[in-house]
Amino acid sequence: MNPAPLTGGPLQGQIALVTGATAFIGRAIALELARRGAHVVVNGRNPEAGQAVINEIAANGYSATFEQADLTNSDAVHAMVDRVAERHGRLDILVASGADASADLPFFRLFKEMRDGGFDNYIRAHWLTRVYAIQAAARVMALHGRGKIVAVGTAAGRVATVGESFIGGATGGMMQMCRVLAREQGRDGIRVNAVAMSYIWDAEPRWGPGSPALEDGH
């Protein structure tokens, strides 16, 4: 059942960009921001998946558009944010979610079992995808002296969990970066926060109830 629409919601008229918004957590965030009145720019790699989210938002009476960009490509991310700012005149909200879908990242693997290049993959997927989006958005927001940025991370960056040394290190670094940026970007009227989520049950086989990944790791 869809939540009831908010008439004249608290984000009415604001422009929100959600990266990695074509599925799972990003999709849910995009739907909620739209329900609260924002025009949502849905980012992802797959235009068909992006259109499905836009259609879902539109079916509930809200507005959204799609922007394709590879979050691991700094130039592509900056170009995307520039397009959003040019089309809408500004960017009010960034939710930096998603990850590098091309990275084959093991979950719940002991540190001694990890191989060369593994940490680089985690850095790219869980940190740099946030870095590029935040840097591009903050540059545009600073021109208007205001903005709100939220980076989505995982509780592995806060809680020491066996088998999560690499993802914990990458996410922990990202979250510390956001603490610093809260002070730096605050001088430009931009608020920066990070959220650390634990397990989210969804339709993805490796994470749903009875997932082999969860059973093997815990």
C-alpha atoms as a PDB file:
ATOM      1  CA  MET A   1       0.000   0.000   0.000  1.00  0.00           C
ATOM      2  CA  ASN A   2       1.378   3.421  -0.980  1.00  0.00           C
ATOM      3  CA  PRO A   3       1.611   6.100   1.741  1.00  0.00           C
ATOM      4  CA  ALA A   4      -0.928   8.889   1.496  1.00  0.00           C
ATOM      5  CA  PRO A   5       0.276  11.876  -0.555  1.00  0.00           C
ATOM      6  CA  LEU A   6       1.335  14.979   1.304  1.00  0.00           C
ATOM      7  CA  THR A   7      -0.533  18.007  -0.001  1.00  0.00           C
ATOM      8  CA  GLY A   8       1.901  20.910  -0.140  1.00  0.00           C
ATOM      9  CA  GLY A   9       4.648  18.721   1.314  1.00  0.00           C
ATOM     10  CA  PRO A  10       7.653  20.136   3.174  1.00  0.00           C
ATOM     11  CA  LEU A  11       9.868  19.784   0.082  1.00  0.00           C
ATOM     12  CA  GLN A  12       7.389  21.385  -2.302  1.00  0.00           C
ATOM     13  CA  GLY A  13       9.193  22.973  -5.255  1.00  0.00           C
ATOM     14  CA  GLN A  14      12.640  21.694  -4.327  1.00  0.00           C
ATOM     15  CA  ILE A  15      14.927  19.841  -6.741  1.00  0.00           C
ATOM     16  CA  ALA A  16      16.346  16.582  -5.385  1.00  0.00           C
ATOM     17  CA  LEU A  17      18.918  14.355  -7.077  1.00  0.00           C
ATOM     18  CA  VAL A  18      19.090  10.746  -5.888  1.00  0.00           C
ATOM     19  CA  THR A  19      22.007   8.736  -7.234  1.00  0.00           C
ATOM     20  CA  GLY A  20      21.629   4.991  -7.611  1.00  0.00           C
ATOM     21  CA  ALA A  21      17.855   5.462  -7.556  1.00  0.00           C
ATOM     22  CA  THR A  22      16.704   2.789  -9.999  1.00  0.00           C
ATOM     23  CA  ALA A  23      16.350   0.043  -7.372  1.00  0.00           C
ATOM     24  CA  PHE A  24      16.324  -0.886  -3.704  1.00  0.00           C
ATOM     25  CA  ILE A  25      17.242   1.829  -1.182  1.00  0.00           C
ATOM     26  CA  GLY A  26      17.754   4.558  -3.767  1.00  0.00           C
ATOM     27  CA  ARG A  27      14.371   3.867  -5.330  1.00  0.00           C
ATOM     28  CA  ALA A  28      12.634   4.015  -1.945  1.00  0.00           C
ATOM     29  CA  ILE A  29      14.321   7.330  -1.155  1.00  0.00           C
ATOM     30  CA  ALA A  30      13.304   8.778  -4.518  1.00  0.00           C
ATOM     31  CA  LEU A  31       9.674   7.771  -3.959  1.00  0.00           C
ATOM     32  CA  GLU A  32       9.601   9.309  -0.490  1.00  0.00           C
ATOM     33  CA  LEU A  33      11.185  12.594  -1.576  1.00  0.00           C
ATOM     34  CA  ALA A  34       8.618  12.848  -4.362  1.00  0.00           C
ATOM     35  CA  ARG A  35       5.809  12.162  -1.881  1.00  0.00           C
ATOM     36  CA  ARG A  36       7.105  15.048   0.200  1.00  0.00           C
ATOM     37  CA  GLY A  37       6.838  17.436  -2.723  1.00  0.00           C
ATOM     38  CA  ALA A  38      10.266  17.485  -4.370  1.00  0.00           C
ATOM     39  CA  HIS A  39      10.855  17.089  -8.075  1.00  0.00           C
ATOM     40  CA  VAL A  40      13.156  14.067  -8.082  1.00  0.00           C
ATOM     41  CA  VAL A  41      15.975  13.505 -10.540  1.00  0.00           C
ATOM     42  CA  VAL A  42      16.441   9.742 -10.673  1.00  0.00           C
ATOM     43  CA  ASN A  43      19.998   8.666 -11.488  1.00  0.00           C
ATOM     44  CA  GLY A  44      21.137   5.279 -12.663  1.00  0.00           C
ATOM     45  CA  ARG A  45      22.876   3.417 -15.451  1.00  0.00           C
ATOM     46  CA  ASN A  46      19.824   1.698 -16.877  1.00  0.00           C
ATOM     47  CA  PRO A  47      17.334   4.031 -18.622  1.00  0.00           C
ATOM     48  CA  GLU A  48      14.599   1.388 -18.608  1.00  0.00           C
ATOM     49  CA  ALA A  49      14.906   0.880 -14.862  1.00  0.00           C
ATOM     50  CA  GLY A  50      14.989   4.645 -14.409  1.00  0.00           C
ATOM     51  CA  GLN A  51      11.835   5.078 -16.461  1.00  0.00           C
ATOM     52  CA  ALA A  52      10.089   2.464 -14.333  1.00  0.00           C
ATOM     53  CA  VAL A  53      10.812   4.521 -11.210  1.00  0.00           C
ATOM     54  CA  ILE A  54       9.664   7.708 -12.939  1.00  0.00           C
ATOM     55  CA  ASN A  55       6.441   5.998 -13.996  1.00  0.00           C
ATOM     56  CA  GLU A  56       5.850   4.849 -10.427  1.00  0.00           C
ATOM     57  CA  ILE A  57       6.382   8.376  -9.139  1.00  0.00           C
ATOM     58  CA  ALA A  58       4.118   9.847 -11.829  1.00  0.00           C
ATOM     59  CA  ALA A  59       1.396   7.285 -11.109  1.00  0.00           C
ATOM     60  CA  ASN A  60       1.183   8.716  -7.597  1.00  0.00           C
ATOM     61  CA  GLY A  61       0.836  12.252  -8.915  1.00  0.00           C
ATOM     62  CA  TYR A  62       4.417  13.437  -8.474  1.00  0.00           C
ATOM     63  CA  SER A  63       7.148  14.582 -10.863  1.00  0.00           C
ATOM     64  CA  ALA A  64      10.522  13.092 -11.751  1.00  0.00           C
ATOM     65  CA  THR A  65      13.093  12.930 -14.526  1.00  0.00           C
ATOM     66  CA  PHE A  66      15.940  10.543 -15.290  1.00  0.00           C
ATOM     67  CA  GLU A  67      19.662  11.252 -15.630  1.00  0.00           C
ATOM     68  CA  GLN A  68      22.038   8.532 -16.753  1.00  0.00           C
ATOM     69  CA  ALA A  69      25.584   8.620 -15.372  1.00  0.00           C
ATOM     70  CA  ASP A  70      28.252   6.199 -14.181  1.00  0.00           C
ATOM     71  CA  LEU A  71      28.877   7.122 -10.548  1.00  0.00           C
ATOM     72  CA  THR A  72      32.490   5.925 -10.739  1.00  0.00           C
ATOM     73  CA  ASN A  73      33.263   8.427 -13.522  1.00  0.00           C
ATOM     74  CA  SER A  74      33.937  11.869 -12.083  1.00  0.00           C
ATOM     75  CA  ASP A  75      33.484  13.704 -15.385  1.00  0.00           C
ATOM     76  CA  ALA A  76      30.163  11.962 -16.028  1.00  0.00           C
ATOM     77  CA  VAL A  77      28.863  12.821 -12.558  1.00  0.00           C
ATOM     78  CA  HIS A  78      29.882  16.484 -12.806  1.00  0.00           C
ATOM     79  CA  ALA A  79      28.269  16.714 -16.249  1.00  0.00           C
ATOM     80  CA  MET A  80      25.061  15.197 -14.875  1.00  0.00           C
ATOM     81  CA  VAL A  81      24.858  17.695 -12.021  1.00  0.00           C
ATOM     82  CA  ASP A  82      25.541  20.554 -14.436  1.00  0.00           C
ATOM     83  CA  ARG A  83      22.640  19.371 -16.618  1.00  0.00           C
ATOM     84  CA  VAL A  84      20.330  19.255 -13.607  1.00  0.00           C
ATOM     85  CA  ALA A  85      21.327  22.765 -12.524  1.00  0.00           C
ATOM     86  CA  GLU A  86      20.947  24.131 -16.044  1.00  0.00           C
ATOM     87  CA  ARG A  87      17.516  22.557 -16.522  1.00  0.00           C
ATOM     88  CA  HIS A  88      16.069  23.479 -13.127  1.00  0.00           C
ATOM     89  CA  GLY A  89      18.122  26.527 -12.194  1.00  0.00           C
ATOM     90  CA  ARG A  90      19.501  24.989  -9.024  1.00  0.00           C
ATOM     91  CA  LEU A  91      19.928  21.815  -6.976  1.00  0.00           C
ATOM     92  CA  ASP A  92      18.494  21.796  -3.454  1.00  0.00           C
ATOM     93  CA  ILE A  93      19.029  18.217  -2.287  1.00  0.00           C
ATOM     94  CA  LEU A  94      21.476  15.423  -3.050  1.00  0.00           C
ATOM     95  CA  VAL A  95      21.076  11.907  -1.711  1.00  0.00           C
ATOM     96  CA  ALA A  96      24.260  10.040  -2.631  1.00  0.00           C
ATOM     97  CA  SER A  97      23.309   6.378  -2.755  1.00  0.00           C
ATOM     98  CA  GLY A  98      24.068   3.462  -5.058  1.00  0.00           C
ATOM     99  CA  ALA A  99      27.332   1.663  -5.710  1.00  0.00           C
ATOM    100  CA  ASP A 100      29.468   0.376  -8.545  1.00  0.00           C
ATOM    101  CA  ALA A 101      27.240  -2.326  -9.983  1.00  0.00           C
ATOM    102  CA  SER A 102      30.113  -3.693 -12.071  1.00  0.00           C
ATOM    103  CA  ALA A 103      32.271  -4.461  -9.033  1.00  0.00           C
ATOM    104  CA  ASP A 104      32.075  -8.089  -7.939  1.00  0.00           C
ATOM    105  CA  LEU A 105      32.447  -7.474  -4.221  1.00  0.00           C
ATOM    106  CA  PRO A 106      32.405 -10.346  -1.741  1.00  0.00           C
ATOM    107  CA  PHE A 107      30.505  -9.853   1.488  1.00  0.00           C
ATOM    108  CA  PHE A 108      31.463 -11.195   4.918  1.00  0.00           C
ATOM    109  CA  ARG A 109      34.918 -12.337   3.878  1.00  0.00           C
ATOM    110  CA  LEU A 110      37.755 -12.488   6.366  1.00  0.00           C
ATOM    111  CA  PHE A 111      40.604 -10.029   5.932  1.00  0.00           C
ATOM    112  CA  LYS A 112      43.134 -12.815   5.336  1.00  0.00           C
ATOM    113  CA  GLU A 113      41.020 -14.108   2.444  1.00  0.00           C
ATOM    114  CA  MET A 114      40.889 -10.806   0.567  1.00  0.00           C
ATOM    115  CA  ARG A 115      43.136 -10.345  -2.445  1.00  0.00           C
ATOM    116  CA  ASP A 116      44.981  -7.459  -4.080  1.00  0.00           C
ATOM    117  CA  GLY A 117      42.591  -5.017  -5.682  1.00  0.00           C
ATOM    118  CA  GLY A 118      39.730  -5.922  -3.386  1.00  0.00           C
ATOM    119  CA  PHE A 119      40.048  -2.810  -1.265  1.00  0.00           C
ATOM    120  CA  ASP A 120      40.326  -0.629  -4.375  1.00  0.00           C
ATOM    121  CA  ASN A 121      36.975  -2.022  -5.515  1.00  0.00           C
ATOM    122  CA  TYR A 122      35.355  -1.188  -2.196  1.00  0.00           C
ATOM    123  CA  ILE A 123      36.816   2.330  -2.243  1.00  0.00           C
ATOM    124  CA  ARG A 124      35.432   2.899  -5.723  1.00  0.00           C
ATOM    125  CA  ALA A 125      32.016   1.390  -5.011  1.00  0.00           C
ATOM    126  CA  HIS A 126      31.290   2.766  -1.545  1.00  0.00           C
ATOM    127  CA  TRP A 127      33.392   5.924  -1.259  1.00  0.00           C
ATOM    128  CA  LEU A 128      34.279   7.466  -4.611  1.00  0.00           C
ATOM    129  CA  THR A 129      30.690   7.140  -5.838  1.00  0.00           C
ATOM    130  CA  ARG A 130      29.810   9.501  -2.974  1.00  0.00           C
ATOM    131  CA  VAL A 131      32.854  11.739  -3.409  1.00  0.00           C
ATOM    132  CA  TYR A 132      32.121  12.616  -7.026  1.00  0.00           C
ATOM    133  CA  ALA A 133      28.420  13.267  -6.460  1.00  0.00           C
ATOM    134  CA  ILE A 134      28.975  15.358  -3.331  1.00  0.00           C
ATOM    135  CA  GLN A 135      31.739  17.433  -4.899  1.00  0.00           C
ATOM    136  CA  ALA A 136      29.675  18.170  -8.002  1.00  0.00           C
ATOM    137  CA  ALA A 137      26.525  18.995  -6.032  1.00  0.00           C
ATOM    138  CA  ALA A 138      28.301  21.174  -3.460  1.00  0.00           C
ATOM    139  CA  ARG A 139      29.862  23.257  -6.224  1.00  0.00           C
ATOM    140  CA  VAL A 140      26.413  24.020  -7.670  1.00  0.00           C
ATOM    141  CA  MET A 141      24.735  24.513  -4.285  1.00  0.00           C
ATOM    142  CA  ALA A 142      27.395  26.978  -3.143  1.00  0.00           C
ATOM    143  CA  LEU A 143      26.387  29.317  -5.966  1.00  0.00           C
ATOM    144  CA  HIS A 144      23.007  29.752  -4.250  1.00  0.00           C
ATOM    145  CA  GLY A 145      24.299  29.653  -0.678  1.00  0.00           C
ATOM    146  CA  ARG A 146      22.243  26.673   0.431  1.00  0.00           C
ATOM    147  CA  GLY A 147      21.713  22.952  -0.017  1.00  0.00           C
ATOM    148  CA  LYS A 148      21.281  19.626   1.733  1.00  0.00           C
ATOM    149  CA  ILE A 149      23.452  16.563   1.138  1.00  0.00           C
ATOM    150  CA  VAL A 150      22.935  13.093   2.592  1.00  0.00           C
ATOM    151  CA  ALA A 151      25.359  10.240   1.906  1.00  0.00           C
ATOM    152  CA  VAL A 152      24.000   6.727   2.346  1.00  0.00           C
ATOM    153  CA  GLY A 153      26.386   4.286   3.980  1.00  0.00           C
ATOM    154  CA  THR A 154      26.323   1.095   5.967  1.00  0.00           C
ATOM    155  CA  ALA A 155      26.627   0.286   9.651  1.00  0.00           C
ATOM    156  CA  ALA A 156      29.843  -1.557   8.764  1.00  0.00           C
ATOM    157  CA  GLY A 157      31.475   1.870   8.905  1.00  0.00           C
ATOM    158  CA  ARG A 158      30.471   2.279  12.558  1.00  0.00           C
ATOM    159  CA  VAL A 159      30.408  -1.207  14.056  1.00  0.00           C
ATOM    160  CA  ALA A 160      33.341  -3.623  13.966  1.00  0.00           C
ATOM    161  CA  THR A 161      31.931  -6.790  12.398  1.00  0.00           C
ATOM    162  CA  VAL A 162      33.939  -9.899  11.560  1.00  0.00           C
ATOM    163  CA  GLY A 163      34.185 -10.297   7.796  1.00  0.00           C
ATOM    164  CA  GLU A 164      33.509  -6.632   7.016  1.00  0.00           C
ATOM    165  CA  SER A 165      36.996  -5.135   7.226  1.00  0.00           C
ATOM    166  CA  PHE A 166      37.067  -3.815   3.660  1.00  0.00           C
ATOM    167  CA  ILE A 167      33.534  -2.473   3.387  1.00  0.00           C
ATOM    168  CA  GLY A 168      33.830  -1.149   6.939  1.00  0.00           C
ATOM    169  CA  GLY A 169      37.061   0.649   6.113  1.00  0.00           C
ATOM    170  CA  ALA A 170      35.677   2.178   2.929  1.00  0.00           C
ATOM    171  CA  THR A 171      32.388   3.237   4.502  1.00  0.00           C
ATOM    172  CA  GLY A 172      34.067   4.491   7.662  1.00  0.00           C
ATOM    173  CA  GLY A 173      36.302   6.699   5.552  1.00  0.00           C
ATOM    174  CA  MET A 174      33.311   8.024   3.662  1.00  0.00           C
ATOM    175  CA  MET A 175      31.504   8.861   6.886  1.00  0.00           C
ATOM    176  CA  GLN A 176      34.512  10.668   8.358  1.00  0.00           C
ATOM    177  CA  MET A 177      34.756  12.631   5.115  1.00  0.00           C
ATOM    178  CA  CYS A 178      31.150  13.737   5.626  1.00  0.00           C
ATOM    179  CA  ARG A 179      31.953  14.932   9.150  1.00  0.00           C
ATOM    180  CA  VAL A 180      34.703  17.123   7.738  1.00  0.00           C
ATOM    181  CA  LEU A 181      32.498  18.330   4.887  1.00  0.00           C
ATOM    182  CA  ALA A 182      29.759  19.289   7.335  1.00  0.00           C
ATOM    183  CA  ARG A 183      32.179  21.899   8.667  1.00  0.00           C
ATOM    184  CA  GLU A 184      33.718  22.898   5.337  1.00  0.00           C
ATOM    185  CA  GLN A 185      30.521  23.121   3.303  1.00  0.00           C
ATOM    186  CA  GLY A 186      28.611  24.624   6.195  1.00  0.00           C
ATOM    187  CA  ARG A 187      30.425  27.863   5.439  1.00  0.00           C
ATOM    188  CA  ASP A 188      28.561  27.883   2.110  1.00  0.00           C
ATOM    189  CA  GLY A 189      25.179  27.191   3.696  1.00  0.00           C
ATOM    190  CA  ILE A 190      25.271  23.488   2.793  1.00  0.00           C
ATOM    191  CA  ARG A 191      24.356  20.827   5.331  1.00  0.00           C
ATOM    192  CA  VAL A 192      26.121  17.478   4.960  1.00  0.00           C
ATOM    193  CA  ASN A 193      25.032  14.325   6.779  1.00  0.00           C
ATOM    194  CA  ALA A 194      25.594  10.601   6.444  1.00  0.00           C
ATOM    195  CA  VAL A 195      23.340   7.724   7.433  1.00  0.00           C
ATOM    196  CA  ALA A 196      24.564   4.240   8.302  1.00  0.00           C
ATOM    197  CA  MET A 197      22.032   1.509   7.644  1.00  0.00           C
ATOM    198  CA  SER A 198      22.100  -2.114   8.679  1.00  0.00           C
ATOM    199  CA  TYR A 199      20.489  -5.021   6.805  1.00  0.00           C
ATOM    200  CA  ILE A 200      17.646  -4.031   4.514  1.00  0.00           C
ATOM    201  CA  TRP A 201      15.529  -6.959   3.356  1.00  0.00           C
ATOM    202  CA  ASP A 202      14.721  -6.670  -0.328  1.00  0.00           C
ATOM    203  CA  ALA A 203      14.111  -8.809  -3.382  1.00  0.00           C
ATOM    204  CA  GLU A 204      17.793  -9.264  -4.204  1.00  0.00           C
ATOM    205  CA  PRO A 205      18.606 -12.981  -3.758  1.00  0.00           C
ATOM    206  CA  ARG A 206      21.932 -12.422  -2.014  1.00  0.00           C
ATOM    207  CA  TRP A 207      20.317 -10.241   0.671  1.00  0.00           C
ATOM    208  CA  GLY A 208      16.818 -11.628   1.150  1.00  0.00           C
ATOM    209  CA  PRO A 209      15.768 -13.983   3.942  1.00  0.00           C
ATOM    210  CA  GLY A 210      17.698 -17.236   3.666  1.00  0.00           C
ATOM    211  CA  SER A 211      20.443 -15.520   1.668  1.00  0.00           C
ATOM    212  CA  PRO A 212      23.561 -17.720   1.322  1.00  0.00           C
ATOM    213  CA  ALA A 213      25.701 -14.615   1.896  1.00  0.00           C
ATOM    214  CA  LEU A 214      24.103 -13.966   5.267  1.00  0.00           C
ATOM    215  CA  GLU A 215      24.121 -17.614   6.281  1.00  0.00           C
ATOM    216  CA  ASP A 216      27.794 -18.028   5.369  1.00  0.00           C
ATOM    217  CA  GLY A 217      28.846 -14.814   7.068  1.00  0.00           C
ATOM    218  CA  HIS A 218      26.836 -15.095  10.267  1.00  0.00           C
END
